[in-house]
């Protein structure tokens, strides 16, 4: 099985184009369908059947239009660290392991609270 390099990540799978790229941090259905339409590919085709020229074209589409994988993850972690450092309400909820987007902690205490206090 040959190795394919997309967006700095090597892939060895024979799954469809959409299934593999949905595992990338920062990509969703709509962005992948848009990228496949720009490249002129069917998103259901197996990734190993795509020619190297199309793969290079997909890499350039992702590089120009999307912030994905390590760069996006580092950005996300930096924002969370800044929230915690500032001591904002969201930062405090993140430190305690509690939900920070308005979810209840009364009715779903077993799943939302992380049993920090012993």
N, C-alpha and C. Protein backbone atom coordinates (compact mmCIF):
# COMPACT_ATOMS: atom_id res chain seq x y z
N UNK A 1 0.84 -1.18 0.00
CA UNK A 1 0.00 0.00 0.00
C UNK A 1 0.89 1.25 0.00
N UNK A 2 0.61 2.18 -0.87
CA UNK A 2 1.46 3.36 -0.96
C UNK A 2 1.06 4.43 0.06
N UNK A 3 2.04 5.27 0.37
CA UNK A 3 1.85 6.34 1.35
C UNK A 3 1.46 7.62 0.61
N UNK A 4 0.44 8.31 1.13
CA UNK A 4 -0.01 9.57 0.56
C UNK A 4 0.15 10.65 1.62
N UNK A 5 0.71 11.78 1.23
CA UNK A 5 0.95 12.88 2.15
C UNK A 5 -0.02 14.01 1.84
N UNK A 6 -0.94 14.26 2.77
CA UNK A 6 -1.90 15.35 2.61
C UNK A 6 -1.81 16.25 3.83
N UNK A 7 -1.56 17.53 3.60
CA UNK A 7 -1.50 18.55 4.65
C UNK A 7 -0.50 18.17 5.74
N UNK A 8 0.61 17.55 5.36
CA UNK A 8 1.64 17.21 6.31
C UNK A 8 1.39 15.95 7.11
N UNK A 9 0.35 15.19 6.77
CA UNK A 9 0.02 13.96 7.47
C UNK A 9 0.06 12.80 6.48
N UNK A 10 0.81 11.75 6.82
CA UNK A 10 0.91 10.62 5.90
C UNK A 10 -0.24 9.65 6.14
N UNK A 11 -0.80 9.14 5.05
CA UNK A 11 -1.98 8.29 5.09
C UNK A 11 -1.69 7.00 4.35
N UNK A 12 -2.10 5.88 4.95
CA UNK A 12 -1.90 4.56 4.34
C UNK A 12 -3.22 3.86 4.06
N UNK A 13 -4.32 4.50 4.26
CA UNK A 13 -5.62 3.84 4.23
C UNK A 13 -6.21 3.78 2.83
N UNK A 14 -7.15 2.84 2.64
CA UNK A 14 -7.85 2.70 1.38
C UNK A 14 -9.31 3.16 1.53
N UNK A 15 -9.58 4.02 2.51
CA UNK A 15 -10.94 4.52 2.71
C UNK A 15 -11.23 5.63 1.70
N UNK A 16 -12.46 6.12 1.74
CA UNK A 16 -12.83 7.18 0.82
C UNK A 16 -12.18 8.50 1.23
N UNK A 17 -12.12 9.38 0.28
CA UNK A 17 -11.53 10.71 0.45
C UNK A 17 -12.15 11.44 1.63
N UNK A 18 -13.47 11.38 1.74
CA UNK A 18 -14.18 12.10 2.78
C UNK A 18 -13.94 11.49 4.16
N UNK A 19 -13.95 10.17 4.27
CA UNK A 19 -13.77 9.51 5.56
C UNK A 19 -12.42 9.81 6.17
N UNK A 20 -11.39 9.84 5.36
CA UNK A 20 -10.05 10.08 5.88
C UNK A 20 -9.88 11.54 6.29
N UNK A 21 -10.30 12.45 5.45
CA UNK A 21 -10.06 13.86 5.73
C UNK A 21 -10.97 14.42 6.82
N UNK A 22 -12.05 13.73 7.16
CA UNK A 22 -12.89 14.17 8.28
C UNK A 22 -12.18 13.97 9.61
N UNK A 23 -11.15 13.13 9.65
CA UNK A 23 -10.41 12.93 10.89
C UNK A 23 -9.41 14.05 11.15
N UNK A 24 -9.17 14.91 10.18
CA UNK A 24 -8.24 16.02 10.34
C UNK A 24 -8.86 17.08 11.23
N UNK A 25 -8.06 17.67 12.13
CA UNK A 25 -8.53 18.71 13.03
C UNK A 25 -8.75 19.99 12.24
N UNK A 26 -9.99 20.47 12.20
CA UNK A 26 -10.29 21.71 11.52
C UNK A 26 -11.04 21.57 10.22
N UNK A 27 -11.33 20.34 9.78
CA UNK A 27 -12.08 20.14 8.55
C UNK A 27 -13.44 19.53 8.86
N UNK A 28 -14.46 19.96 8.13
CA UNK A 28 -15.80 19.41 8.30
C UNK A 28 -16.37 19.06 6.93
N UNK A 29 -17.62 18.57 6.94
CA UNK A 29 -18.27 18.12 5.70
C UNK A 29 -18.28 19.20 4.63
N UNK A 30 -18.75 20.38 5.00
CA UNK A 30 -18.93 21.42 3.99
C UNK A 30 -17.59 21.87 3.40
N UNK A 31 -16.55 21.98 4.23
CA UNK A 31 -15.26 22.40 3.70
C UNK A 31 -14.66 21.33 2.79
N UNK A 32 -14.87 20.06 3.11
CA UNK A 32 -14.34 18.99 2.26
C UNK A 32 -15.08 18.88 0.94
N UNK A 33 -16.39 19.06 0.97
CA UNK A 33 -17.16 19.01 -0.28
C UNK A 33 -16.80 20.20 -1.16
N UNK A 34 -16.56 21.36 -0.54
CA UNK A 34 -16.13 22.54 -1.29
C UNK A 34 -14.76 22.30 -1.92
N UNK A 35 -13.82 21.74 -1.15
CA UNK A 35 -12.47 21.48 -1.67
C UNK A 35 -12.50 20.44 -2.78
N UNK A 36 -13.35 19.41 -2.62
CA UNK A 36 -13.42 18.39 -3.67
C UNK A 36 -14.05 18.95 -4.94
N UNK A 37 -15.00 19.86 -4.80
CA UNK A 37 -15.59 20.46 -6.01
C UNK A 37 -14.59 21.39 -6.70
N UNK A 38 -13.75 22.07 -5.91
CA UNK A 38 -12.70 22.91 -6.51
C UNK A 38 -11.70 22.06 -7.28
N UNK A 39 -11.37 20.89 -6.71
CA UNK A 39 -10.40 20.01 -7.36
C UNK A 39 -11.02 19.20 -8.48
N UNK A 40 -12.36 19.16 -8.55
CA UNK A 40 -13.02 18.38 -9.58
C UNK A 40 -13.05 16.90 -9.26
N UNK A 41 -13.09 16.57 -7.96
CA UNK A 41 -13.09 15.17 -7.53
C UNK A 41 -14.43 14.80 -6.91
N UNK A 42 -14.78 13.54 -7.02
CA UNK A 42 -15.92 13.02 -6.29
C UNK A 42 -15.42 12.68 -4.89
N UNK A 43 -16.11 13.15 -3.85
CA UNK A 43 -15.62 12.94 -2.49
C UNK A 43 -15.80 11.50 -2.01
N UNK A 44 -16.44 10.64 -2.80
CA UNK A 44 -16.62 9.26 -2.41
C UNK A 44 -15.56 8.34 -2.99
N UNK A 45 -14.66 8.87 -3.80
CA UNK A 45 -13.62 8.05 -4.43
C UNK A 45 -12.58 7.64 -3.38
N UNK A 46 -12.00 6.47 -3.56
CA UNK A 46 -10.96 5.99 -2.65
C UNK A 46 -9.73 6.87 -2.81
N UNK A 47 -9.09 7.16 -1.70
CA UNK A 47 -7.96 8.09 -1.73
C UNK A 47 -6.76 7.52 -2.48
N UNK A 48 -6.58 6.21 -2.44
CA UNK A 48 -5.44 5.61 -3.14
C UNK A 48 -5.61 5.62 -4.66
N UNK A 49 -6.83 5.85 -5.14
CA UNK A 49 -7.07 5.89 -6.59
C UNK A 49 -6.85 7.28 -7.18
N UNK A 50 -6.67 8.28 -6.33
CA UNK A 50 -6.48 9.64 -6.79
C UNK A 50 -5.04 9.80 -7.28
N UNK A 51 -4.87 10.45 -8.42
CA UNK A 51 -3.53 10.63 -8.99
C UNK A 51 -2.73 11.65 -8.16
N UNK A 52 -1.41 11.59 -8.23
CA UNK A 52 -0.56 12.51 -7.46
C UNK A 52 -0.77 13.98 -7.83
N UNK A 53 -1.17 14.27 -9.06
CA UNK A 53 -1.40 15.67 -9.42
C UNK A 53 -2.61 16.23 -8.68
N UNK A 54 -3.68 15.41 -8.55
CA UNK A 54 -4.84 15.85 -7.78
C UNK A 54 -4.51 16.00 -6.30
N UNK A 55 -3.66 15.14 -5.78
CA UNK A 55 -3.28 15.23 -4.37
C UNK A 55 -2.47 16.51 -4.12
N UNK A 56 -1.60 16.85 -5.05
CA UNK A 56 -0.88 18.12 -4.94
C UNK A 56 -1.81 19.31 -5.02
N UNK A 57 -2.82 19.21 -5.87
CA UNK A 57 -3.81 20.27 -5.98
C UNK A 57 -4.63 20.40 -4.69
N UNK A 58 -5.01 19.26 -4.10
CA UNK A 58 -5.74 19.28 -2.82
C UNK A 58 -4.88 19.90 -1.72
N UNK A 59 -3.59 19.56 -1.69
CA UNK A 59 -2.70 20.15 -0.70
C UNK A 59 -2.63 21.67 -0.84
N UNK A 60 -2.58 22.14 -2.07
CA UNK A 60 -2.52 23.59 -2.27
C UNK A 60 -3.84 24.25 -1.88
N UNK A 61 -4.97 23.58 -2.12
CA UNK A 61 -6.28 24.12 -1.70
C UNK A 61 -6.34 24.24 -0.19
N UNK A 62 -5.91 23.18 0.51
CA UNK A 62 -5.94 23.22 1.97
C UNK A 62 -4.98 24.26 2.52
N UNK A 63 -3.81 24.39 1.92
CA UNK A 63 -2.82 25.34 2.40
C UNK A 63 -3.31 26.78 2.23
N UNK A 64 -4.01 27.06 1.13
CA UNK A 64 -4.44 28.43 0.86
C UNK A 64 -5.74 28.81 1.55
N UNK A 65 -6.67 27.86 1.70
CA UNK A 65 -8.00 28.22 2.17
C UNK A 65 -8.30 27.86 3.62
N UNK A 66 -7.56 26.95 4.21
CA UNK A 66 -7.91 26.45 5.54
C UNK A 66 -6.71 26.45 6.47
N UNK A 67 -6.99 26.68 7.75
CA UNK A 67 -5.99 26.52 8.80
C UNK A 67 -6.33 25.20 9.47
N UNK A 68 -5.47 24.20 9.32
CA UNK A 68 -5.80 22.88 9.83
C UNK A 68 -4.65 22.28 10.62
N UNK A 69 -4.96 21.21 11.31
CA UNK A 69 -4.04 20.36 12.05
C UNK A 69 -3.24 21.12 13.10
N UNK A 70 -1.94 21.08 13.05
CA UNK A 70 -1.10 21.58 14.14
C UNK A 70 -1.26 23.08 14.36
N UNK A 71 -1.36 23.84 13.30
CA UNK A 71 -1.46 25.29 13.44
C UNK A 71 -2.76 25.66 14.15
N UNK A 72 -3.86 25.04 13.73
CA UNK A 72 -5.15 25.33 14.36
C UNK A 72 -5.19 24.83 15.79
N UNK A 73 -4.61 23.67 16.05
CA UNK A 73 -4.61 23.11 17.40
C UNK A 73 -3.80 23.99 18.34
N UNK A 74 -2.64 24.50 17.87
CA UNK A 74 -1.83 25.39 18.69
C UNK A 74 -2.58 26.69 19.00
N UNK A 75 -3.30 27.19 18.00
CA UNK A 75 -4.10 28.40 18.19
C UNK A 75 -5.18 28.18 19.24
N UNK A 76 -5.83 27.03 19.17
CA UNK A 76 -6.90 26.68 20.11
C UNK A 76 -6.35 26.55 21.53
N UNK A 77 -5.21 25.88 21.70
CA UNK A 77 -4.60 25.71 23.01
C UNK A 77 -4.16 27.06 23.57
N UNK A 78 -3.63 27.94 22.72
CA UNK A 78 -3.21 29.26 23.16
C UNK A 78 -4.40 30.06 23.69
N UNK A 79 -5.55 29.98 23.02
CA UNK A 79 -6.75 30.69 23.46
C UNK A 79 -7.22 30.17 24.82
N UNK A 80 -7.20 28.85 25.00
CA UNK A 80 -7.63 28.27 26.28
C UNK A 80 -6.68 28.67 27.40
N UNK A 81 -5.36 28.65 27.14
CA UNK A 81 -4.39 29.07 28.16
C UNK A 81 -4.59 30.53 28.54
N UNK A 82 -4.88 31.37 27.56
CA UNK A 82 -5.10 32.79 27.83
C UNK A 82 -6.35 32.98 28.69
N UNK A 83 -7.41 32.21 28.41
CA UNK A 83 -8.63 32.29 29.22
C UNK A 83 -8.35 31.90 30.67
N UNK A 84 -7.60 30.83 30.85
CA UNK A 84 -7.27 30.38 32.21
C UNK A 84 -6.41 31.40 32.93
N UNK A 85 -5.45 31.97 32.21
CA UNK A 85 -4.54 32.93 32.83
C UNK A 85 -5.27 34.21 33.24
N UNK A 86 -6.23 34.64 32.43
CA UNK A 86 -6.96 35.87 32.74
C UNK A 86 -7.90 35.69 33.93
N UNK A 87 -8.31 34.46 34.18
CA UNK A 87 -9.22 34.21 35.29
C UNK A 87 -10.65 34.55 34.94
N UNK A 88 -10.98 34.50 33.68
CA UNK A 88 -12.36 34.78 33.27
C UNK A 88 -13.27 33.64 33.70
N UNK A 89 -14.56 33.84 33.57
CA UNK A 89 -15.52 32.81 33.97
C UNK A 89 -15.29 31.54 33.17
N UNK A 90 -15.09 31.69 31.88
CA UNK A 90 -14.86 30.52 31.03
C UNK A 90 -13.56 29.82 31.42
N UNK A 91 -12.52 30.60 31.73
CA UNK A 91 -11.25 30.02 32.15
C UNK A 91 -11.37 29.23 33.44
N UNK A 92 -12.13 29.77 34.40
CA UNK A 92 -12.33 29.06 35.66
C UNK A 92 -13.08 27.76 35.44
N UNK A 93 -14.10 27.79 34.59
CA UNK A 93 -14.85 26.56 34.30
C UNK A 93 -13.95 25.53 33.61
N UNK A 94 -13.07 26.00 32.73
CA UNK A 94 -12.15 25.08 32.06
C UNK A 94 -11.16 24.47 33.05
N UNK A 95 -10.67 25.27 34.00
CA UNK A 95 -9.74 24.75 35.01
C UNK A 95 -10.38 23.68 35.86
N UNK A 96 -11.65 23.88 36.21
CA UNK A 96 -12.34 22.93 37.09
C UNK A 96 -12.89 21.73 36.34
N UNK A 97 -12.83 21.75 35.02
CA UNK A 97 -13.34 20.63 34.24
C UNK A 97 -14.85 20.61 34.13
N UNK A 98 -15.46 21.76 34.28
CA UNK A 98 -16.92 21.87 34.20
C UNK A 98 -17.32 22.37 32.82
N UNK A 99 -18.57 22.14 32.42
CA UNK A 99 -19.00 22.66 31.11
C UNK A 99 -19.02 24.18 31.12
N UNK A 100 -18.61 24.79 30.01
CA UNK A 100 -18.50 26.24 29.99
C UNK A 100 -19.36 26.89 28.91
N UNK A 101 -20.28 26.16 28.33
CA UNK A 101 -21.15 26.75 27.30
C UNK A 101 -22.61 26.69 27.70
N UNK A 102 -22.90 26.80 28.98
CA UNK A 102 -24.28 26.90 29.43
C UNK A 102 -24.96 25.61 29.78
N UNK A 103 -24.25 24.48 29.76
CA UNK A 103 -24.89 23.21 30.10
C UNK A 103 -25.12 23.13 31.60
N UNK A 104 -26.09 22.32 31.97
CA UNK A 104 -26.41 22.13 33.39
C UNK A 104 -25.39 21.20 34.04
N UNK A 105 -25.20 21.40 35.33
CA UNK A 105 -24.38 20.45 36.08
C UNK A 105 -25.22 19.76 37.14
N UNK A 106 -26.48 20.14 37.25
CA UNK A 106 -27.33 19.51 38.27
C UNK A 106 -27.85 18.16 37.79
N UNK A 107 -28.41 18.13 36.60
CA UNK A 107 -29.02 16.90 36.11
C UNK A 107 -28.04 15.93 35.49
N UNK A 108 -26.89 16.41 35.07
CA UNK A 108 -25.93 15.52 34.43
C UNK A 108 -24.61 15.52 35.19
N UNK A 109 -24.70 15.46 36.48
CA UNK A 109 -23.51 15.61 37.32
C UNK A 109 -22.49 14.51 37.09
N UNK A 110 -22.94 13.30 36.80
CA UNK A 110 -22.00 12.19 36.63
C UNK A 110 -21.17 12.35 35.37
N UNK A 111 -21.76 12.94 34.33
CA UNK A 111 -21.01 13.06 33.08
C UNK A 111 -20.27 14.38 32.95
N UNK A 112 -20.78 15.46 33.53
CA UNK A 112 -20.14 16.75 33.31
C UNK A 112 -19.10 17.09 34.36
N UNK A 113 -19.33 16.71 35.61
CA UNK A 113 -18.35 16.99 36.64
C UNK A 113 -17.30 15.89 36.61
N UNK A 114 -16.08 16.26 36.76
CA UNK A 114 -14.98 15.32 36.58
C UNK A 114 -14.49 14.72 37.89
N UNK A 115 -15.24 14.81 38.94
CA UNK A 115 -14.87 14.27 40.25
C UNK A 115 -13.51 14.80 40.70
N UNK A 116 -13.37 16.11 40.63
CA UNK A 116 -12.12 16.74 41.03
C UNK A 116 -11.98 16.75 42.55
N UNK A 117 -13.08 17.06 43.21
CA UNK A 117 -13.05 17.19 44.65
C UNK A 117 -13.25 15.83 45.30
N UNK A 118 -12.31 15.39 46.09
CA UNK A 118 -12.41 14.08 46.73
C UNK A 118 -12.50 14.19 48.22
